[in-house]
Amino acid sequence: VALDMLHALPEVDPKYNQLLQEFGESLNDEEIRYWYNDAKKEGWWDDNWGGYEQYKKNYVDGKLRNLLFEGTEEDFERSRYNPTERDLVKEYEPAAFEKFQEIQTYLKTPKKA
């Protein structure tokens, strides 16, 4: 449920929106384009849904949600998240991993009312 709440957060929290944008910019665009083209080829994506920019927004959201997800291997499998994603991002996309850590810290820091 908590991860589902992230969908609306960029619209109401400018700081989170900034961090999310920075996270997206730190990801490997070539990899995102690979998965975008694959999704179109396999019929999982239709450009009528918003083209590449919308796909990238969904990709960034999914990547962040996967990194934030915590649970057992069964939890990961049931939720269709990759349990090794943190290790992969840390090794191959260190700038994105740093941005993820910033977001994680921001989300866990209590906010003053």
C-alpha atoms as a PDB file:
ATOM      1  CA  VAL A   1       0.000   0.000   0.000  1.00  0.00           C
ATOM      2  CA  ALA A   2       2.791   2.436   0.899  1.00  0.00           C
ATOM      3  CA  LEU A   3       4.430   1.989  -2.506  1.00  0.00           C
ATOM      4  CA  ASP A   4       1.093   2.641  -4.230  1.00  0.00           C
ATOM      5  CA  MET A   5       0.958   6.020  -2.512  1.00  0.00           C
ATOM      6  CA  LEU A   6       4.069   7.065  -4.442  1.00  0.00           C
ATOM      7  CA  HIS A   7       1.951   7.509  -7.586  1.00  0.00           C
ATOM      8  CA  ALA A   8       0.371  10.742  -6.342  1.00  0.00           C
ATOM      9  CA  LEU A   9       3.317  12.038  -4.311  1.00  0.00           C
ATOM     10  CA  PRO A  10       5.087  13.968  -7.120  1.00  0.00           C
ATOM     11  CA  GLU A  11       1.970  16.101  -7.572  1.00  0.00           C
ATOM     12  CA  VAL A  12       1.792  17.152  -3.909  1.00  0.00           C
ATOM     13  CA  ASP A  13       5.440  17.094  -2.789  1.00  0.00           C
ATOM     14  CA  PRO A  14       7.832  19.267  -4.838  1.00  0.00           C
ATOM     15  CA  LYS A  15      10.928  17.916  -3.062  1.00  0.00           C
ATOM     16  CA  TYR A  16       9.972  14.314  -3.805  1.00  0.00           C
ATOM     17  CA  ASN A  17       9.173  15.268  -7.404  1.00  0.00           C
ATOM     18  CA  GLN A  18      12.647  16.813  -7.758  1.00  0.00           C
ATOM     19  CA  LEU A  19      14.320  13.705  -6.320  1.00  0.00           C
ATOM     20  CA  LEU A  20      12.254  11.460  -8.577  1.00  0.00           C
ATOM     21  CA  GLN A  21      13.227  13.485 -11.650  1.00  0.00           C
ATOM     22  CA  GLU A  22      16.908  13.302 -10.667  1.00  0.00           C
ATOM     23  CA  PHE A  23      16.600   9.561 -10.137  1.00  0.00           C
ATOM     24  CA  GLY A  24      15.062   9.149 -13.592  1.00  0.00           C
ATOM     25  CA  GLU A  25      17.790  11.244 -15.199  1.00  0.00           C
ATOM     26  CA  SER A  26      20.463   9.129 -13.506  1.00  0.00           C
ATOM     27  CA  LEU A  27      19.189   5.878 -15.058  1.00  0.00           C
ATOM     28  CA  ASN A  28      20.712   4.466 -18.225  1.00  0.00           C
ATOM     29  CA  ASP A  29      18.561   5.827 -21.045  1.00  0.00           C
ATOM     30  CA  GLU A  30      19.903   3.199 -23.446  1.00  0.00           C
ATOM     31  CA  GLU A  31      18.569   0.443 -21.190  1.00  0.00           C
ATOM     32  CA  ILE A  32      15.191   2.143 -20.862  1.00  0.00           C
ATOM     33  CA  ARG A  33      14.955   2.488 -24.654  1.00  0.00           C
ATOM     34  CA  TYR A  34      15.863  -1.190 -25.031  1.00  0.00           C
ATOM     35  CA  TRP A  35      12.977  -2.227 -22.767  1.00  0.00           C
ATOM     36  CA  TYR A  36      10.659   0.296 -24.428  1.00  0.00           C
ATOM     37  CA  ASN A  37      11.348  -1.155 -27.870  1.00  0.00           C
ATOM     38  CA  ASP A  38      11.028  -4.690 -26.524  1.00  0.00           C
ATOM     39  CA  ALA A  39       7.676  -3.871 -24.891  1.00  0.00           C
ATOM     40  CA  LYS A  40       6.368  -2.422 -28.150  1.00  0.00           C
ATOM     41  CA  LYS A  41       7.607  -5.427 -30.131  1.00  0.00           C
ATOM     42  CA  GLU A  42       6.029  -7.893 -27.681  1.00  0.00           C
ATOM     43  CA  GLY A  43       2.744  -5.973 -27.580  1.00  0.00           C
ATOM     44  CA  TRP A  44       3.058  -4.904 -23.922  1.00  0.00           C
ATOM     45  CA  TRP A  45       3.194  -1.205 -24.805  1.00  0.00           C
ATOM     46  CA  ASP A  46       1.161   0.919 -27.174  1.00  0.00           C
ATOM     47  CA  ASP A  47       2.412   4.397 -28.063  1.00  0.00           C
ATOM     48  CA  ASN A  48      -1.174   5.632 -27.851  1.00  0.00           C
ATOM     49  CA  TRP A  49      -0.616   5.457 -24.087  1.00  0.00           C
ATOM     50  CA  GLY A  50       1.861   8.327 -24.250  1.00  0.00           C
ATOM     51  CA  GLY A  51       4.892   7.224 -26.232  1.00  0.00           C
ATOM     52  CA  TYR A  52       8.404   6.963 -24.897  1.00  0.00           C
ATOM     53  CA  GLU A  53       8.084   9.719 -22.288  1.00  0.00           C
ATOM     54  CA  GLN A  54       5.152   7.980 -20.583  1.00  0.00           C
ATOM     55  CA  TYR A  55       6.922   4.636 -20.836  1.00  0.00           C
ATOM     56  CA  LYS A  56      10.008   6.133 -19.191  1.00  0.00           C
ATOM     57  CA  LYS A  57       7.875   7.636 -16.415  1.00  0.00           C
ATOM     58  CA  ASN A  58       6.357   4.192 -15.752  1.00  0.00           C
ATOM     59  CA  TYR A  59       9.802   2.553 -15.952  1.00  0.00           C
ATOM     60  CA  VAL A  60      11.302   5.010 -13.438  1.00  0.00           C
ATOM     61  CA  ASP A  61       8.346   4.493 -11.097  1.00  0.00           C
ATOM     62  CA  GLY A  62       8.655   0.711 -11.337  1.00  0.00           C
ATOM     63  CA  LYS A  63      12.419   0.778 -10.841  1.00  0.00           C
ATOM     64  CA  LEU A  64      12.083   2.934  -7.719  1.00  0.00           C
ATOM     65  CA  ARG A  65       9.264   0.806  -6.307  1.00  0.00           C
ATOM     66  CA  ASN A  66      11.390  -2.317  -6.845  1.00  0.00           C
ATOM     67  CA  LEU A  67      14.318  -0.709  -5.027  1.00  0.00           C
ATOM     68  CA  LEU A  68      12.120   0.387  -2.123  1.00  0.00           C
ATOM     69  CA  PHE A  69      10.350  -2.978  -1.815  1.00  0.00           C
ATOM     70  CA  GLU A  70      11.277  -5.055   1.218  1.00  0.00           C
ATOM     71  CA  GLY A  71      10.289  -8.609   1.985  1.00  0.00           C
ATOM     72  CA  THR A  72      11.097 -12.276   1.710  1.00  0.00           C
ATOM     73  CA  GLU A  73      11.925 -14.005  -1.562  1.00  0.00           C
ATOM     74  CA  GLU A  74       8.317 -15.167  -1.679  1.00  0.00           C
ATOM     75  CA  ASP A  75       7.145 -11.576  -1.238  1.00  0.00           C
ATOM     76  CA  PHE A  76       9.330 -10.472  -4.135  1.00  0.00           C
ATOM     77  CA  GLU A  77       8.060 -13.296  -6.313  1.00  0.00           C
ATOM     78  CA  ARG A  78       4.419 -12.648  -5.453  1.00  0.00           C
ATOM     79  CA  SER A  79       4.837  -8.921  -6.163  1.00  0.00           C
ATOM     80  CA  ARG A  80       6.878  -9.617  -9.308  1.00  0.00           C
ATOM     81  CA  TYR A  81       9.830  -7.558  -8.133  1.00  0.00           C
ATOM     82  CA  ASN A  82      13.476  -8.496  -8.632  1.00  0.00           C
ATOM     83  CA  PRO A  83      15.167  -9.313  -5.288  1.00  0.00           C
ATOM     84  CA  THR A  84      18.629  -8.550  -6.751  1.00  0.00           C
ATOM     85  CA  GLU A  85      17.703  -5.133  -8.209  1.00  0.00           C
ATOM     86  CA  ARG A  86      19.461  -3.166  -5.456  1.00  0.00           C
ATOM     87  CA  ASP A  87      22.701  -5.036  -6.030  1.00  0.00           C
ATOM     88  CA  LEU A  88      22.459  -4.605  -9.804  1.00  0.00           C
ATOM     89  CA  VAL A  89      21.764  -0.877  -9.622  1.00  0.00           C
ATOM     90  CA  LYS A  90      24.485  -0.366  -7.017  1.00  0.00           C
ATOM     91  CA  GLU A  91      27.036  -2.102  -9.247  1.00  0.00           C
ATOM     92  CA  TYR A  92      26.018  -0.907 -12.718  1.00  0.00           C
ATOM     93  CA  GLU A  93      24.283   2.415 -12.065  1.00  0.00           C
ATOM     94  CA  PRO A  94      25.966   3.909  -8.975  1.00  0.00           C
ATOM     95  CA  ALA A  95      24.596   7.421  -9.582  1.00  0.00           C
ATOM     96  CA  ALA A  96      21.061   6.020  -9.687  1.00  0.00           C
ATOM     97  CA  PHE A  97      21.753   4.047  -6.518  1.00  0.00           C
ATOM     98  CA  GLU A  98      22.840   7.242  -4.752  1.00  0.00           C
ATOM     99  CA  LYS A  99      19.645   8.977  -5.869  1.00  0.00           C
ATOM    100  CA  PHE A 100      17.617   5.979  -4.667  1.00  0.00           C
ATOM    101  CA  GLN A 101      19.279   6.265  -1.258  1.00  0.00           C
ATOM    102  CA  GLU A 102      18.429   9.976  -1.132  1.00  0.00           C
ATOM    103  CA  ILE A 103      14.800   9.188  -1.909  1.00  0.00           C
ATOM    104  CA  GLN A 104      14.705   6.376   0.630  1.00  0.00           C
ATOM    105  CA  THR A 105      16.110   8.670   3.336  1.00  0.00           C
ATOM    106  CA  TYR A 106      13.694  11.433   2.376  1.00  0.00           C
ATOM    107  CA  LEU A 107      10.690   9.107   2.525  1.00  0.00           C
ATOM    108  CA  LYS A 108      11.716   7.701   5.913  1.00  0.00           C
ATOM    109  CA  THR A 109      12.380  11.114   7.470  1.00  0.00           C
ATOM    110  CA  PRO A 110       9.406  12.345   9.527  1.00  0.00           C
ATOM    111  CA  LYS A 111       7.923  15.546   8.134  1.00  0.00           C
ATOM    112  CA  LYS A 112       6.933  18.468  10.312  1.00  0.00           C
ATOM    113  CA  ALA A 113       3.284  19.464  10.087  1.00  0.00           C
END
